[in-house]
Amino acid sequence: MDTKSKVRDVLVNLLKVKPDELKDDLTLQESIGVDSTEMVESVIALEKSFGVKLSPKEITKNSTVNDIANNIQSKLAK
């Protein structure tokens, strides 16, 4: 599974949304209306799934799935 697919899978399962509701190029706020608590939960879930440390400033409700996947991919490449 590629990074973006895994990010989508984690967010869909955590936030209990349908896969087609989560748009790759829209912010999480625009796409599914996440709030700050959901974002903290998302950061924690993504850290556990990928084994990387993420700052809440790096991944915000204004991030897109593409942004998040690229951020994680860059950390995995180090």
N, C-alpha and C. Protein backbone atom coordinates (compact mmCIF):
# COMPACT_ATOMS: atom_id res chain seq x y z
N MET A 1 0.86 -1.18 0.00
CA MET A 1 0.00 0.00 0.00
C MET A 1 0.90 1.24 0.00
N ASP A 2 0.62 2.18 -0.87
CA ASP A 2 1.43 3.40 -0.91
C ASP A 2 1.03 4.33 0.23
N THR A 3 1.85 5.35 0.44
CA THR A 3 1.67 6.25 1.58
C THR A 3 0.30 6.93 1.55
N LYS A 4 -0.09 7.46 0.39
CA LYS A 4 -1.37 8.18 0.32
C LYS A 4 -2.54 7.24 0.61
N SER A 5 -2.49 6.04 0.09
CA SER A 5 -3.57 5.08 0.34
C SER A 5 -3.67 4.74 1.83
N LYS A 6 -2.51 4.59 2.46
CA LYS A 6 -2.50 4.27 3.89
C LYS A 6 -3.01 5.46 4.72
N VAL A 7 -2.62 6.68 4.33
CA VAL A 7 -3.13 7.88 5.02
C VAL A 7 -4.64 7.92 4.90
N ARG A 8 -5.15 7.71 3.70
CA ARG A 8 -6.61 7.72 3.48
C ARG A 8 -7.28 6.66 4.34
N ASP A 9 -6.71 5.47 4.37
CA ASP A 9 -7.29 4.37 5.14
C ASP A 9 -7.35 4.71 6.63
N VAL A 10 -6.26 5.26 7.16
CA VAL A 10 -6.22 5.64 8.58
C VAL A 10 -7.28 6.69 8.87
N LEU A 11 -7.36 7.73 8.04
CA LEU A 11 -8.32 8.82 8.28
C LEU A 11 -9.77 8.35 8.12
N VAL A 12 -10.04 7.53 7.12
CA VAL A 12 -11.40 7.03 6.91
C VAL A 12 -11.85 6.21 8.12
N ASN A 13 -10.98 5.32 8.59
CA ASN A 13 -11.34 4.47 9.73
C ASN A 13 -11.47 5.26 11.03
N LEU A 14 -10.54 6.18 11.26
CA LEU A 14 -10.55 6.96 12.49
C LEU A 14 -11.74 7.91 12.55
N LEU A 15 -11.97 8.61 11.46
CA LEU A 15 -12.99 9.67 11.44
C LEU A 15 -14.37 9.18 11.02
N LYS A 16 -14.46 7.90 10.72
CA LYS A 16 -15.74 7.27 10.37
C LYS A 16 -16.45 8.00 9.22
N VAL A 17 -15.70 8.21 8.14
CA VAL A 17 -16.26 8.82 6.93
C VAL A 17 -16.17 7.82 5.79
N LYS A 18 -16.98 8.04 4.78
CA LYS A 18 -16.91 7.20 3.58
C LYS A 18 -15.69 7.60 2.77
N PRO A 19 -15.03 6.63 2.15
CA PRO A 19 -13.83 6.95 1.37
C PRO A 19 -14.04 8.04 0.32
N ASP A 20 -15.21 8.08 -0.29
CA ASP A 20 -15.45 9.09 -1.34
C ASP A 20 -15.68 10.49 -0.77
N GLU A 21 -15.89 10.60 0.54
CA GLU A 21 -16.05 11.91 1.18
C GLU A 21 -14.70 12.60 1.40
N LEU A 22 -13.65 11.81 1.49
CA LEU A 22 -12.32 12.32 1.77
C LEU A 22 -11.62 12.61 0.44
N LYS A 23 -11.52 13.87 0.10
CA LYS A 23 -10.94 14.29 -1.18
C LYS A 23 -9.44 14.55 -1.03
N ASP A 24 -8.64 14.04 -1.95
CA ASP A 24 -7.18 14.17 -1.88
C ASP A 24 -6.70 15.61 -1.97
N ASP A 25 -7.41 16.45 -2.72
CA ASP A 25 -6.92 17.79 -2.98
C ASP A 25 -7.70 18.89 -2.26
N LEU A 26 -8.61 18.52 -1.37
CA LEU A 26 -9.31 19.50 -0.54
C LEU A 26 -8.78 19.37 0.88
N THR A 27 -8.79 20.48 1.62
CA THR A 27 -8.33 20.39 3.01
C THR A 27 -9.28 19.48 3.80
N LEU A 28 -8.78 18.97 4.90
CA LEU A 28 -9.62 18.12 5.73
C LEU A 28 -10.83 18.89 6.25
N GLN A 29 -10.64 20.18 6.49
CA GLN A 29 -11.76 21.02 6.92
C GLN A 29 -12.81 21.11 5.81
N GLU A 30 -12.37 21.39 4.58
CA GLU A 30 -13.30 21.52 3.45
C GLU A 30 -13.95 20.18 3.09
N SER A 31 -13.16 19.14 3.15
CA SER A 31 -13.60 17.82 2.70
C SER A 31 -14.58 17.17 3.68
N ILE A 32 -14.19 17.11 4.96
CA ILE A 32 -15.02 16.37 5.92
C ILE A 32 -15.30 17.14 7.20
N GLY A 33 -14.88 18.40 7.27
CA GLY A 33 -15.21 19.25 8.42
C GLY A 33 -14.57 18.84 9.73
N VAL A 34 -13.32 18.42 9.71
CA VAL A 34 -12.66 18.00 10.95
C VAL A 34 -12.52 19.16 11.94
N ASP A 35 -12.56 18.81 13.22
CA ASP A 35 -12.32 19.82 14.26
C ASP A 35 -10.95 19.58 14.88
N SER A 36 -10.58 20.40 15.83
CA SER A 36 -9.23 20.32 16.40
C SER A 36 -8.99 19.01 17.15
N THR A 37 -9.99 18.49 17.83
CA THR A 37 -9.84 17.23 18.55
C THR A 37 -9.61 16.08 17.57
N GLU A 38 -10.36 16.08 16.48
CA GLU A 38 -10.18 15.05 15.46
C GLU A 38 -8.80 15.14 14.83
N MET A 39 -8.27 16.35 14.70
CA MET A 39 -6.94 16.50 14.11
C MET A 39 -5.87 15.93 15.03
N VAL A 40 -6.00 16.15 16.34
CA VAL A 40 -5.04 15.59 17.29
C VAL A 40 -5.11 14.06 17.23
N GLU A 41 -6.30 13.52 17.20
CA GLU A 41 -6.47 12.07 17.10
C GLU A 41 -5.87 11.55 15.79
N SER A 42 -6.02 12.31 14.72
CA SER A 42 -5.49 11.90 13.42
C SER A 42 -3.96 11.88 13.44
N VAL A 43 -3.36 12.90 14.04
CA VAL A 43 -1.90 12.96 14.13
C VAL A 43 -1.38 11.74 14.89
N ILE A 44 -2.01 11.42 16.01
CA ILE A 44 -1.59 10.27 16.83
C ILE A 44 -1.74 8.97 16.04
N ALA A 45 -2.86 8.79 15.37
CA ALA A 45 -3.10 7.57 14.59
C ALA A 45 -2.10 7.44 13.44
N LEU A 46 -1.80 8.55 12.77
CA LEU A 46 -0.83 8.52 11.67
C LEU A 46 0.58 8.22 12.19
N GLU A 47 0.93 8.79 13.34
CA GLU A 47 2.24 8.50 13.93
C GLU A 47 2.38 7.01 14.22
N LYS A 48 1.36 6.42 14.79
CA LYS A 48 1.39 5.00 15.11
C LYS A 48 1.45 4.15 13.84
N SER A 49 0.70 4.52 12.84
CA SER A 49 0.64 3.74 11.61
C SER A 49 1.95 3.77 10.83
N PHE A 50 2.61 4.93 10.83
CA PHE A 50 3.81 5.08 10.01
C PHE A 50 5.11 5.03 10.81
N GLY A 51 5.02 5.10 12.14
CA GLY A 51 6.22 5.06 12.96
C GLY A 51 7.09 6.31 12.82
N VAL A 52 6.44 7.45 12.59
CA VAL A 52 7.15 8.72 12.49
C VAL A 52 6.57 9.71 13.48
N LYS A 53 7.35 10.73 13.81
CA LYS A 53 6.89 11.79 14.72
C LYS A 53 6.36 12.93 13.87
N LEU A 54 5.12 13.33 14.13
CA LEU A 54 4.48 14.42 13.39
C LEU A 54 4.11 15.54 14.35
N SER A 55 4.35 16.74 13.91
CA SER A 55 3.96 17.90 14.70
C SER A 55 2.55 18.31 14.30
N PRO A 56 1.72 18.66 15.28
CA PRO A 56 0.38 19.16 14.92
C PRO A 56 0.45 20.36 13.99
N LYS A 57 1.56 21.12 14.04
CA LYS A 57 1.71 22.25 13.13
C LYS A 57 1.94 21.79 11.69
N GLU A 58 2.52 20.60 11.53
CA GLU A 58 2.76 20.06 10.19
C GLU A 58 1.48 19.52 9.55
N ILE A 59 0.63 19.01 10.39
CA ILE A 59 -0.61 18.41 9.89
C ILE A 59 -1.78 19.09 10.59
N THR A 60 -2.46 19.93 9.85
CA THR A 60 -3.57 20.70 10.40
C THR A 60 -4.84 20.40 9.62
N LYS A 61 -5.94 20.95 10.10
CA LYS A 61 -7.20 20.76 9.38
C LYS A 61 -7.18 21.45 8.03
N ASN A 62 -6.16 22.29 7.81
CA ASN A 62 -6.00 22.95 6.52
C ASN A 62 -5.09 22.17 5.58
N SER A 63 -4.66 20.98 6.00
CA SER A 63 -3.84 20.11 5.15
C SER A 63 -4.75 19.27 4.28
N THR A 64 -4.24 18.90 3.12
CA THR A 64 -4.95 17.95 2.26
C THR A 64 -4.37 16.56 2.48
N VAL A 65 -5.04 15.54 1.99
CA VAL A 65 -4.50 14.18 2.06
C VAL A 65 -3.16 14.14 1.33
N ASN A 66 -3.07 14.83 0.19
CA ASN A 66 -1.81 14.88 -0.55
C ASN A 66 -0.70 15.50 0.29
N ASP A 67 -0.99 16.61 1.00
CA ASP A 67 -0.01 17.27 1.86
C ASP A 67 0.48 16.32 2.95
N ILE A 68 -0.45 15.66 3.59
CA ILE A 68 -0.12 14.75 4.69
C ILE A 68 0.74 13.60 4.18
N ALA A 69 0.35 13.00 3.06
CA ALA A 69 1.11 11.89 2.50
C ALA A 69 2.53 12.33 2.13
N ASN A 70 2.66 13.50 1.52
CA ASN A 70 3.98 14.01 1.14
C ASN A 70 4.84 14.27 2.37
N ASN A 71 4.25 14.83 3.42
CA ASN A 71 4.97 15.11 4.65
C ASN A 71 5.49 13.80 5.26
N ILE A 72 4.63 12.80 5.35
CA ILE A 72 5.03 11.51 5.92
C ILE A 72 6.08 10.85 5.04
N GLN A 73 5.89 10.90 3.74
CA GLN A 73 6.85 10.28 2.82
C GLN A 73 8.24 10.90 2.99
N SER A 74 8.29 12.21 3.16
CA SER A 74 9.60 12.85 3.34
C SER A 74 10.26 12.42 4.64
N LYS A 75 9.47 12.18 5.68
CA LYS A 75 10.02 11.71 6.95
C LYS A 75 10.50 10.25 6.84
N LEU A 76 9.78 9.46 6.07
CA LEU A 76 10.16 8.05 5.89
C LEU A 76 11.44 7.94 5.06
N ALA A 77 11.67 8.89 4.20
CA ALA A 77 12.84 8.85 3.31
C ALA A 77 14.14 9.21 4.04
N LYS A 78 14.03 9.80 5.22
CA LYS A 78 15.22 10.23 5.97
C LYS A 78 15.91 9.06 6.62
